[in-house]
Amino acid sequence: MGSITVHQIVTLYTWLGVSALLVLLALIARFYQRLSGERTHYLLFALAIAVLAGAPIRQTVRDQLIGDALADLLAAAGGAITGALCIHIYRLMIRGR
C-alpha cells in the first residue's frame, strides 16, 4: 500500500464521525444513569465503537469497499450492539410516561 486513496480517507473520517456520535450517546446514557440511578450500561458503547472500528480499518488496509465479508459482519455486529443499547436506554427513559 504505497499511497492513500480518497476512499480510505473518507472511510476513516466517516468512522470518526460515527464514533463521536456514539461517545455522545454514551455520555447521555451516563448522565441518565447518574440522574435516575438506573443502570444504563453506557460502557458497552466502547464495545460498539471497537467493533465498528474493525470494518473501516479492514476496508482501508485492503483498499476495497465491497466484497469483504468480515468487514460487513463487523459493521452489522457493531450496528446491532448500538441498536440494542439505544433501545435499552430509550425504554429506560420512556418507561414511566
C-alpha atoms as a PDB file:
ATOM      1  CA  MET A   1       0.000   0.000   0.000  1.00  0.00           C
ATOM      2  CA  GLY A   2       2.039   2.910  -1.280  1.00  0.00           C
ATOM      3  CA  SER A   3      -0.409   5.764  -1.496  1.00  0.00           C
ATOM      4  CA  ILE A   4      -3.552   6.681   0.359  1.00  0.00           C
ATOM      5  CA  THR A   5      -6.663   6.863  -1.799  1.00  0.00           C
ATOM      6  CA  VAL A   6      -9.623   9.165  -1.389  1.00  0.00           C
ATOM      7  CA  HIS A   7     -11.978   6.403  -0.287  1.00  0.00           C
ATOM      8  CA  GLN A   8      -9.568   5.401   2.503  1.00  0.00           C
ATOM      9  CA  ILE A   9      -9.603   8.940   3.874  1.00  0.00           C
ATOM     10  CA  VAL A  10     -13.375   9.242   3.572  1.00  0.00           C
ATOM     11  CA  THR A  11     -13.870   5.838   5.221  1.00  0.00           C
ATOM     12  CA  LEU A  12     -11.741   6.754   8.225  1.00  0.00           C
ATOM     13  CA  TYR A  13     -13.289  10.215   8.621  1.00  0.00           C
ATOM     14  CA  THR A  14     -16.759   8.695   8.462  1.00  0.00           C
ATOM     15  CA  TRP A  15     -15.819   6.256  11.204  1.00  0.00           C
ATOM     16  CA  LEU A  16     -14.525   9.150  13.320  1.00  0.00           C
ATOM     17  CA  GLY A  17     -17.885  10.899  12.936  1.00  0.00           C
ATOM     18  CA  VAL A  18     -19.824   7.795  13.914  1.00  0.00           C
ATOM     19  CA  SER A  19     -17.519   7.288  16.889  1.00  0.00           C
ATOM     20  CA  ALA A  20     -18.119  10.872  18.024  1.00  0.00           C
ATOM     21  CA  LEU A  21     -21.877  10.289  17.907  1.00  0.00           C
ATOM     22  CA  LEU A  22     -21.527   7.075  19.907  1.00  0.00           C
ATOM     23  CA  VAL A  23     -19.438   8.879  22.517  1.00  0.00           C
ATOM     24  CA  LEU A  24     -22.202  11.485  22.754  1.00  0.00           C
ATOM     25  CA  LEU A  25     -24.797   8.726  23.243  1.00  0.00           C
ATOM     26  CA  ALA A  26     -22.622   7.149  25.929  1.00  0.00           C
ATOM     27  CA  LEU A  27     -22.382  10.485  27.736  1.00  0.00           C
ATOM     28  CA  ILE A  28     -26.161  10.876  27.601  1.00  0.00           C
ATOM     29  CA  ALA A  29     -26.585   7.358  28.999  1.00  0.00           C
ATOM     30  CA  ARG A  30     -24.057   8.063  31.752  1.00  0.00           C
ATOM     31  CA  PHE A  31     -25.843  11.302  32.663  1.00  0.00           C
ATOM     32  CA  TYR A  32     -29.177   9.492  32.834  1.00  0.00           C
ATOM     33  CA  GLN A  33     -27.673   6.743  34.987  1.00  0.00           C
ATOM     34  CA  ARG A  34     -26.312   9.282  37.444  1.00  0.00           C
ATOM     35  CA  LEU A  35     -29.558  11.244  37.453  1.00  0.00           C
ATOM     36  CA  SER A  36     -32.008   8.357  37.808  1.00  0.00           C
ATOM     37  CA  GLY A  37     -29.893   5.668  39.461  1.00  0.00           C
ATOM     38  CA  GLU A  38     -30.965   3.090  36.864  1.00  0.00           C
ATOM     39  CA  ARG A  39     -28.286   1.004  35.164  1.00  0.00           C
ATOM     40  CA  THR A  40     -27.818   2.002  31.501  1.00  0.00           C
ATOM     41  CA  HIS A  41     -24.651   0.006  30.641  1.00  0.00           C
ATOM     42  CA  TYR A  42     -23.115   3.060  28.999  1.00  0.00           C
ATOM     43  CA  LEU A  43     -19.648   1.464  28.964  1.00  0.00           C
ATOM     44  CA  LEU A  44     -20.850  -1.003  26.326  1.00  0.00           C
ATOM     45  CA  PHE A  45     -20.759   1.854  23.824  1.00  0.00           C
ATOM     46  CA  ALA A  46     -16.965   1.419  23.891  1.00  0.00           C
ATOM     47  CA  LEU A  47     -17.502  -2.154  22.682  1.00  0.00           C
ATOM     48  CA  ALA A  48     -19.696  -0.875  19.860  1.00  0.00           C
ATOM     49  CA  ILE A  49     -17.040   1.660  18.858  1.00  0.00           C
ATOM     50  CA  ALA A  50     -14.343  -1.017  18.876  1.00  0.00           C
ATOM     51  CA  VAL A  51     -16.391  -3.459  16.797  1.00  0.00           C
ATOM     52  CA  LEU A  52     -17.411  -0.735  14.375  1.00  0.00           C
ATOM     53  CA  ALA A  53     -13.748   0.270  14.048  1.00  0.00           C
ATOM     54  CA  GLY A  54     -12.899  -3.134  12.620  1.00  0.00           C
ATOM     55  CA  ALA A  55     -14.855  -2.610   9.394  1.00  0.00           C
ATOM     56  CA  PRO A  56     -13.264   0.671   8.207  1.00  0.00           C
ATOM     57  CA  ILE A  57      -9.806  -0.436   9.312  1.00  0.00           C
ATOM     58  CA  ARG A  58     -10.143  -3.637   7.300  1.00  0.00           C
ATOM     59  CA  GLN A  59     -11.542  -1.765   4.295  1.00  0.00           C
ATOM     60  CA  THR A  60      -8.720   0.759   4.476  1.00  0.00           C
ATOM     61  CA  VAL A  61      -5.977  -1.838   4.809  1.00  0.00           C
ATOM     62  CA  ARG A  62      -7.343  -3.980   1.975  1.00  0.00           C
ATOM     63  CA  ASP A  63      -8.163  -0.882  -0.139  1.00  0.00           C
ATOM     64  CA  GLN A  64     -11.564  -2.265  -1.054  1.00  0.00           C
ATOM     65  CA  LEU A  65     -15.064  -1.012  -0.321  1.00  0.00           C
ATOM     66  CA  ILE A  66     -17.215  -4.016  -1.208  1.00  0.00           C
ATOM     67  CA  GLY A  67     -16.808  -7.758  -1.238  1.00  0.00           C
ATOM     68  CA  ASP A  68     -15.257  -8.175   2.204  1.00  0.00           C
ATOM     69  CA  ALA A  69     -17.479 -10.437   4.291  1.00  0.00           C
ATOM     70  CA  LEU A  70     -15.588  -9.864   7.549  1.00  0.00           C
ATOM     71  CA  ALA A  71     -15.877  -6.077   7.279  1.00  0.00           C
ATOM     72  CA  ASP A  72     -19.592  -6.402   6.554  1.00  0.00           C
ATOM     73  CA  LEU A  73     -20.028  -8.743   9.522  1.00  0.00           C
ATOM     74  CA  LEU A  74     -18.181  -6.356  11.843  1.00  0.00           C
ATOM     75  CA  ALA A  75     -20.301  -3.418  10.662  1.00  0.00           C
ATOM     76  CA  ALA A  76     -23.505  -5.410  11.175  1.00  0.00           C
ATOM     77  CA  ALA A  77     -22.439  -6.578  14.643  1.00  0.00           C
ATOM     78  CA  GLY A  78     -21.495  -3.034  15.670  1.00  0.00           C
ATOM     79  CA  GLY A  79     -24.816  -1.737  14.387  1.00  0.00           C
ATOM     80  CA  ALA A  80     -26.708  -4.439  16.265  1.00  0.00           C
ATOM     81  CA  ILE A  81     -24.884  -3.625  19.504  1.00  0.00           C
ATOM     82  CA  THR A  82     -25.552   0.084  19.034  1.00  0.00           C
ATOM     83  CA  GLY A  83     -29.218  -0.529  18.217  1.00  0.00           C
ATOM     84  CA  ALA A  84     -29.722  -2.759  21.238  1.00  0.00           C
ATOM     85  CA  LEU A  85     -28.092  -0.207  23.546  1.00  0.00           C
ATOM     86  CA  CYS A  86     -30.166   2.647  22.135  1.00  0.00           C
ATOM     87  CA  ILE A  87     -33.405   0.678  22.500  1.00  0.00           C
ATOM     88  CA  HIS A  88     -32.435  -0.228  26.086  1.00  0.00           C
ATOM     89  CA  ILE A  89     -31.783   3.407  27.004  1.00  0.00           C
ATOM     90  CA  TYR A  90     -34.928   4.560  25.218  1.00  0.00           C
ATOM     91  CA  ARG A  91     -37.056   2.086  27.184  1.00  0.00           C
ATOM     92  CA  LEU A  92     -35.469   3.167  30.458  1.00  0.00           C
ATOM     93  CA  MET A  93     -36.098   6.840  29.760  1.00  0.00           C
ATOM     94  CA  ILE A  94     -39.659   6.476  28.470  1.00  0.00           C
ATOM     95  CA  ARG A  95     -40.896   3.700  30.774  1.00  0.00           C
ATOM     96  CA  GLY A  96     -42.755   5.899  33.261  1.00  0.00           C
ATOM     97  CA  ARG A  97     -44.581   8.061  30.722  1.00  0.00           C
END
